[in-house]
């Protein structure tokens, strides 16, 4: 069973930026692309645990601020040659508002 939680209006997440949502299982980074698509990943790089929310977003990718690993926003997978995955969370945009399924 999913539990959709209202996060914020889309306008409160900067384009090519992120917002951190606190969660008992660990922080979740909600990203906004230049095309206003939204994605949510565990706010922890699979390499050394760097905060992905502080990385640089370009296209549908975020670069970890610690070592530059590139993580796909839609899948959480590190791009080759790197290997690893950040947990992905369902997120949706409805009427200009961002919702996150924190229990998925």
C-alpha atoms as a PDB file:
ATOM      1  CA  UNK A   1       0.000   0.000   0.000  1.00  0.00           C
ATOM      2  CA  UNK A   2       1.423   3.370  -0.979  1.00  0.00           C
ATOM      3  CA  UNK A   3       1.306   6.488   1.141  1.00  0.00           C
ATOM      4  CA  UNK A   4       1.640   9.603  -0.992  1.00  0.00           C
ATOM      5  CA  UNK A   5       2.922  12.583   0.979  1.00  0.00           C
ATOM      6  CA  UNK A   6       2.650  16.172  -0.226  1.00  0.00           C
ATOM      7  CA  UNK A   7       6.160  17.634  -0.370  1.00  0.00           C
ATOM      8  CA  UNK A   8       5.843  21.159  -1.788  1.00  0.00           C
ATOM      9  CA  UNK A   9       4.881  23.157  -4.858  1.00  0.00           C
ATOM     10  CA  UNK A  10       7.219  22.443  -7.770  1.00  0.00           C
ATOM     11  CA  UNK A  11       8.298  26.096  -7.704  1.00  0.00           C
ATOM     12  CA  UNK A  12       9.942  25.519  -4.292  1.00  0.00           C
ATOM     13  CA  UNK A  13      12.489  23.155  -5.859  1.00  0.00           C
ATOM     14  CA  UNK A  14      14.972  25.134  -7.966  1.00  0.00           C
ATOM     15  CA  UNK A  15      15.345  24.057 -11.596  1.00  0.00           C
ATOM     16  CA  UNK A  16      18.338  21.679 -11.788  1.00  0.00           C
ATOM     17  CA  UNK A  17      18.232  21.429  -8.001  1.00  0.00           C
ATOM     18  CA  UNK A  18      16.903  19.302  -5.172  1.00  0.00           C
ATOM     19  CA  UNK A  19      15.023  19.402  -1.910  1.00  0.00           C
ATOM     20  CA  UNK A  20      15.758  17.051   0.983  1.00  0.00           C
ATOM     21  CA  UNK A  21      12.904  15.199   2.678  1.00  0.00           C
ATOM     22  CA  UNK A  22      13.692  13.752   6.096  1.00  0.00           C
ATOM     23  CA  UNK A  23      12.626  10.122   6.509  1.00  0.00           C
ATOM     24  CA  UNK A  24      13.277   7.573   9.292  1.00  0.00           C
ATOM     25  CA  UNK A  25      14.984   5.255   6.784  1.00  0.00           C
ATOM     26  CA  UNK A  26      17.287   8.076   5.613  1.00  0.00           C
ATOM     27  CA  UNK A  27      17.049  11.354   3.767  1.00  0.00           C
ATOM     28  CA  UNK A  28      15.401  11.427   0.342  1.00  0.00           C
ATOM     29  CA  UNK A  29      16.465  13.900  -2.352  1.00  0.00           C
ATOM     30  CA  UNK A  30      13.671  15.158  -4.618  1.00  0.00           C
ATOM     31  CA  UNK A  31      15.159  16.513  -7.862  1.00  0.00           C
ATOM     32  CA  UNK A  32      13.771  18.883 -10.491  1.00  0.00           C
ATOM     33  CA  UNK A  33      15.168  18.863 -14.020  1.00  0.00           C
ATOM     34  CA  UNK A  34      15.276  21.769 -16.476  1.00  0.00           C
ATOM     35  CA  UNK A  35      12.165  20.261 -18.122  1.00  0.00           C
ATOM     36  CA  UNK A  36      10.326  20.267 -14.734  1.00  0.00           C
ATOM     37  CA  UNK A  37      10.420  16.474 -14.383  1.00  0.00           C
ATOM     38  CA  UNK A  38      10.717  15.275 -10.792  1.00  0.00           C
ATOM     39  CA  UNK A  39      12.635  12.291  -9.431  1.00  0.00           C
ATOM     40  CA  UNK A  40      13.379  11.014  -5.941  1.00  0.00           C
ATOM     41  CA  UNK A  41      16.419   9.067  -4.773  1.00  0.00           C
ATOM     42  CA  UNK A  42      17.984   8.147  -1.479  1.00  0.00           C
ATOM     43  CA  UNK A  43      20.203  11.142  -0.663  1.00  0.00           C
ATOM     44  CA  UNK A  44      23.305   8.968  -0.594  1.00  0.00           C
ATOM     45  CA  UNK A  45      25.679   8.141  -3.413  1.00  0.00           C
ATOM     46  CA  UNK A  46      26.310   4.373  -3.738  1.00  0.00           C
ATOM     47  CA  UNK A  47      30.063   5.063  -3.924  1.00  0.00           C
ATOM     48  CA  UNK A  48      31.014   6.791  -0.662  1.00  0.00           C
ATOM     49  CA  UNK A  49      27.666   8.072   0.644  1.00  0.00           C
ATOM     50  CA  UNK A  50      27.966  11.635  -0.655  1.00  0.00           C
ATOM     51  CA  UNK A  51      24.806  13.786  -0.482  1.00  0.00           C
ATOM     52  CA  UNK A  52      23.295  13.563  -3.977  1.00  0.00           C
ATOM     53  CA  UNK A  53      21.031  16.521  -3.161  1.00  0.00           C
ATOM     54  CA  UNK A  54      24.140  18.723  -3.288  1.00  0.00           C
ATOM     55  CA  UNK A  55      25.218  17.404  -6.679  1.00  0.00           C
ATOM     56  CA  UNK A  56      24.891  18.997 -10.095  1.00  0.00           C
ATOM     57  CA  UNK A  57      21.767  18.014 -12.055  1.00  0.00           C
ATOM     58  CA  UNK A  58      21.968  17.884 -15.840  1.00  0.00           C
ATOM     59  CA  UNK A  59      19.491  16.154 -18.097  1.00  0.00           C
ATOM     60  CA  UNK A  60      18.153  13.162 -16.129  1.00  0.00           C
ATOM     61  CA  UNK A  61      21.412  12.690 -14.201  1.00  0.00           C
ATOM     62  CA  UNK A  62      22.989  13.977 -10.996  1.00  0.00           C
ATOM     63  CA  UNK A  63      26.744  14.121 -10.401  1.00  0.00           C
ATOM     64  CA  UNK A  64      27.771  13.266  -6.844  1.00  0.00           C
ATOM     65  CA  UNK A  65      29.533  16.252  -5.233  1.00  0.00           C
ATOM     66  CA  UNK A  66      32.264  14.086  -3.689  1.00  0.00           C
ATOM     67  CA  UNK A  67      33.758  12.153  -6.584  1.00  0.00           C
ATOM     68  CA  UNK A  68      31.639  13.009  -9.619  1.00  0.00           C
ATOM     69  CA  UNK A  69      29.848   9.688  -9.993  1.00  0.00           C
ATOM     70  CA  UNK A  70      26.929  10.115 -12.383  1.00  0.00           C
ATOM     71  CA  UNK A  71      23.647   8.675 -11.126  1.00  0.00           C
ATOM     72  CA  UNK A  72      20.568   8.279 -13.342  1.00  0.00           C
ATOM     73  CA  UNK A  73      17.637  10.065 -11.733  1.00  0.00           C
ATOM     74  CA  UNK A  74      15.041   7.723 -13.215  1.00  0.00           C
ATOM     75  CA  UNK A  75      16.712   4.488 -12.160  1.00  0.00           C
ATOM     76  CA  UNK A  76      19.247   5.348  -9.451  1.00  0.00           C
ATOM     77  CA  UNK A  77      21.959   3.418 -11.311  1.00  0.00           C
ATOM     78  CA  UNK A  78      25.528   4.685 -11.497  1.00  0.00           C
ATOM     79  CA  UNK A  79      26.630   5.205 -15.083  1.00  0.00           C
ATOM     80  CA  UNK A  80      29.426   3.014 -16.450  1.00  0.00           C
ATOM     81  CA  UNK A  81      32.173   2.410 -15.721  1.00  0.00           C
ATOM     82  CA  UNK A  82      30.941   2.944 -12.152  1.00  0.00           C
ATOM     83  CA  UNK A  83      28.668   0.360 -10.541  1.00  0.00           C
ATOM     84  CA  UNK A  84      26.077   0.837  -7.810  1.00  0.00           C
ATOM     85  CA  UNK A  85      22.556   2.023  -7.208  1.00  0.00           C
ATOM     86  CA  UNK A  86      20.791   4.625  -5.059  1.00  0.00           C
ATOM     87  CA  UNK A  87      17.320   3.617  -3.887  1.00  0.00           C
ATOM     88  CA  UNK A  88      14.579   5.170  -6.007  1.00  0.00           C
ATOM     89  CA  UNK A  89      11.262   6.450  -4.622  1.00  0.00           C
ATOM     90  CA  UNK A  90       8.037   7.011  -6.572  1.00  0.00           C
ATOM     91  CA  UNK A  91       7.321  10.706  -7.016  1.00  0.00           C
ATOM     92  CA  UNK A  92       4.637  12.493  -8.999  1.00  0.00           C
ATOM     93  CA  UNK A  93       3.706  15.992 -10.060  1.00  0.00           C
ATOM     94  CA  UNK A  94       0.030  16.820  -9.854  1.00  0.00           C
ATOM     95  CA  UNK A  95      -1.407  20.281 -10.391  1.00  0.00           C
ATOM     96  CA  UNK A  96       2.002  21.870  -9.833  1.00  0.00           C
ATOM     97  CA  UNK A  97       2.432  20.050  -6.493  1.00  0.00           C
ATOM     98  CA  UNK A  98       5.060  17.385  -5.748  1.00  0.00           C
ATOM     99  CA  UNK A  99       4.029  14.146  -4.014  1.00  0.00           C
ATOM    100  CA  UNK A 100       6.342  11.389  -2.756  1.00  0.00           C
ATOM    101  CA  UNK A 101       5.558   7.787  -1.852  1.00  0.00           C
ATOM    102  CA  UNK A 102       7.839   7.345   1.168  1.00  0.00           C
ATOM    103  CA  UNK A 103       6.647   3.812   1.900  1.00  0.00           C
ATOM    104  CA  UNK A 104       7.424   2.273  -1.496  1.00  0.00           C
END
